[in-house]
Amino acid sequence: MTIIDEGVYNGMPAHILGEQGWERPWSGPNGGQCVETKQLADGRVAVRQSADPAGPALIYTPEEITAFVRGVKEGLADHLTAG
């Protein structure tokens, strides 16, 4: 685990970040198994698996999230989906 700062680190139990503020960017036909995101006070974004809200959270900088979303929009993640 890499400590980022002020006790927020990649892999930390997501429930430590609180239960308020988590959002599902998209909820598809897969029975609610999706990711949830939460904007942190310092601008970073936490990501967790909705089916395991107490599981690990991944913490990303605004720049990392921007690059990921841009890549998805450009089709660079299409190979990750079935079909």
C-alpha atoms as a PDB file:
ATOM      1  CA  MET A   1       0.000   0.000   0.000  1.00  0.00           C
ATOM      2  CA  THR A   2       1.237   3.454  -0.858  1.00  0.00           C
ATOM      3  CA  ILE A   3       0.451   6.171   1.658  1.00  0.00           C
ATOM      4  CA  ILE A   4      -0.525   9.383  -0.124  1.00  0.00           C
ATOM      5  CA  ASP A   5      -1.080  11.854   2.723  1.00  0.00           C
ATOM      6  CA  GLU A   6      -3.220  12.560   5.755  1.00  0.00           C
ATOM      7  CA  GLY A   7      -4.158   8.914   6.185  1.00  0.00           C
ATOM      8  CA  VAL A   8      -5.736   8.491   2.735  1.00  0.00           C
ATOM      9  CA  TYR A   9      -3.946   5.823   0.738  1.00  0.00           C
ATOM     10  CA  ASN A  10      -4.511   3.358  -2.103  1.00  0.00           C
ATOM     11  CA  GLY A  11      -6.043   0.149  -0.838  1.00  0.00           C
ATOM     12  CA  MET A  12      -7.477   1.616   2.341  1.00  0.00           C
ATOM     13  CA  PRO A  13     -10.872   0.266   3.445  1.00  0.00           C
ATOM     14  CA  ALA A  14     -13.386   2.389   1.551  1.00  0.00           C
ATOM     15  CA  HIS A  15     -15.769   2.647   4.506  1.00  0.00           C
ATOM     16  CA  ILE A  16     -13.155   4.745   6.345  1.00  0.00           C
ATOM     17  CA  LEU A  17     -13.866   7.484   3.788  1.00  0.00           C
ATOM     18  CA  GLY A  18     -17.497   7.592   4.977  1.00  0.00           C
ATOM     19  CA  GLU A  19     -20.692   6.436   3.371  1.00  0.00           C
ATOM     20  CA  GLN A  20     -21.869   9.825   2.103  1.00  0.00           C
ATOM     21  CA  GLY A  21     -20.926  11.157  -1.310  1.00  0.00           C
ATOM     22  CA  TRP A  22     -20.359   7.928  -3.222  1.00  0.00           C
ATOM     23  CA  GLU A  23     -21.843   8.012  -6.730  1.00  0.00           C
ATOM     24  CA  ARG A  24     -22.291   5.478  -9.507  1.00  0.00           C
ATOM     25  CA  PRO A  25     -21.218   7.055 -12.781  1.00  0.00           C
ATOM     26  CA  TRP A  26     -23.173   4.366 -14.607  1.00  0.00           C
ATOM     27  CA  SER A  27     -25.289   1.454 -13.466  1.00  0.00           C
ATOM     28  CA  GLY A  28     -25.673  -1.099 -16.194  1.00  0.00           C
ATOM     29  CA  PRO A  29     -27.574  -4.353 -16.573  1.00  0.00           C
ATOM     30  CA  ASN A  30     -25.093  -6.335 -14.458  1.00  0.00           C
ATOM     31  CA  GLY A  31     -27.161  -6.399 -11.270  1.00  0.00           C
ATOM     32  CA  GLY A  32     -25.580  -3.442  -9.517  1.00  0.00           C
ATOM     33  CA  GLN A  33     -22.006  -4.644  -9.777  1.00  0.00           C
ATOM     34  CA  CYS A  34     -20.381  -1.390 -10.670  1.00  0.00           C
ATOM     35  CA  VAL A  35     -17.823   1.065  -9.455  1.00  0.00           C
ATOM     36  CA  GLU A  36     -18.623   4.027  -7.246  1.00  0.00           C
ATOM     37  CA  THR A  37     -16.632   7.232  -7.055  1.00  0.00           C
ATOM     38  CA  LYS A  38     -16.261   9.852  -4.364  1.00  0.00           C
ATOM     39  CA  GLN A  39     -14.711  13.295  -4.709  1.00  0.00           C
ATOM     40  CA  LEU A  40     -12.350  13.879  -1.793  1.00  0.00           C
ATOM     41  CA  ALA A  41     -11.860  17.272  -0.155  1.00  0.00           C
ATOM     42  CA  ASP A  42      -8.370  17.693  -1.659  1.00  0.00           C
ATOM     43  CA  GLY A  43      -9.585  17.049  -5.230  1.00  0.00           C
ATOM     44  CA  ARG A  44      -8.580  13.407  -5.477  1.00  0.00           C
ATOM     45  CA  VAL A  45     -11.134  10.762  -6.413  1.00  0.00           C
ATOM     46  CA  ALA A  46     -11.736   7.503  -4.561  1.00  0.00           C
ATOM     47  CA  VAL A  47     -13.057   4.484  -6.467  1.00  0.00           C
ATOM     48  CA  ARG A  48     -14.614   1.382  -4.892  1.00  0.00           C
ATOM     49  CA  GLN A  49     -16.574  -1.696  -5.955  1.00  0.00           C
ATOM     50  CA  SER A  50     -20.268  -1.190  -5.172  1.00  0.00           C
ATOM     51  CA  ALA A  51     -20.731  -4.868  -4.297  1.00  0.00           C
ATOM     52  CA  ASP A  52     -18.018  -4.540  -1.615  1.00  0.00           C
ATOM     53  CA  PRO A  53     -18.347  -1.053  -0.083  1.00  0.00           C
ATOM     54  CA  ALA A  54     -16.036  -1.967   2.809  1.00  0.00           C
ATOM     55  CA  GLY A  55     -13.399  -3.313   0.425  1.00  0.00           C
ATOM     56  CA  PRO A  56     -10.387  -1.391  -0.815  1.00  0.00           C
ATOM     57  CA  ALA A  57     -10.573   2.085  -2.306  1.00  0.00           C
ATOM     58  CA  LEU A  58      -8.274   3.221  -5.071  1.00  0.00           C
ATOM     59  CA  ILE A  59      -7.277   6.874  -4.794  1.00  0.00           C
ATOM     60  CA  TYR A  60      -6.535   8.885  -7.950  1.00  0.00           C
ATOM     61  CA  THR A  61      -5.344  12.418  -8.577  1.00  0.00           C
ATOM     62  CA  PRO A  62      -7.501  14.732 -10.702  1.00  0.00           C
ATOM     63  CA  GLU A  63      -4.946  14.377 -13.501  1.00  0.00           C
ATOM     64  CA  GLU A  64      -5.141  10.567 -13.410  1.00  0.00           C
ATOM     65  CA  ILE A  65      -8.947  10.598 -13.534  1.00  0.00           C
ATOM     66  CA  THR A  66      -8.903  13.116 -16.392  1.00  0.00           C
ATOM     67  CA  ALA A  67      -6.472  10.958 -18.380  1.00  0.00           C
ATOM     68  CA  PHE A  68      -8.540   7.821 -17.774  1.00  0.00           C
ATOM     69  CA  VAL A  69     -11.846   9.421 -18.766  1.00  0.00           C
ATOM     70  CA  ARG A  70     -10.256  10.970 -21.850  1.00  0.00           C
ATOM     71  CA  GLY A  71      -8.849   7.583 -22.859  1.00  0.00           C
ATOM     72  CA  VAL A  72     -12.218   5.885 -22.392  1.00  0.00           C
ATOM     73  CA  LYS A  73     -13.926   8.529 -24.521  1.00  0.00           C
ATOM     74  CA  GLU A  74     -11.305   7.991 -27.229  1.00  0.00           C
ATOM     75  CA  GLY A  75     -11.992   4.240 -27.210  1.00  0.00           C
ATOM     76  CA  LEU A  76      -8.686   3.220 -25.638  1.00  0.00           C
ATOM     77  CA  ALA A  77     -10.460   0.964 -23.111  1.00  0.00           C
ATOM     78  CA  ASP A  78     -12.824  -0.736 -25.557  1.00  0.00           C
ATOM     79  CA  HIS A  79     -10.757  -3.916 -25.407  1.00  0.00           C
ATOM     80  CA  LEU A  80     -11.682  -4.275 -21.713  1.00  0.00           C
ATOM     81  CA  THR A  81     -15.355  -4.950 -22.397  1.00  0.00           C
ATOM     82  CA  ALA A  82     -16.819  -8.247 -23.473  1.00  0.00           C
ATOM     83  CA  GLY A  83     -18.393  -8.007 -26.885  1.00  0.00           C
END
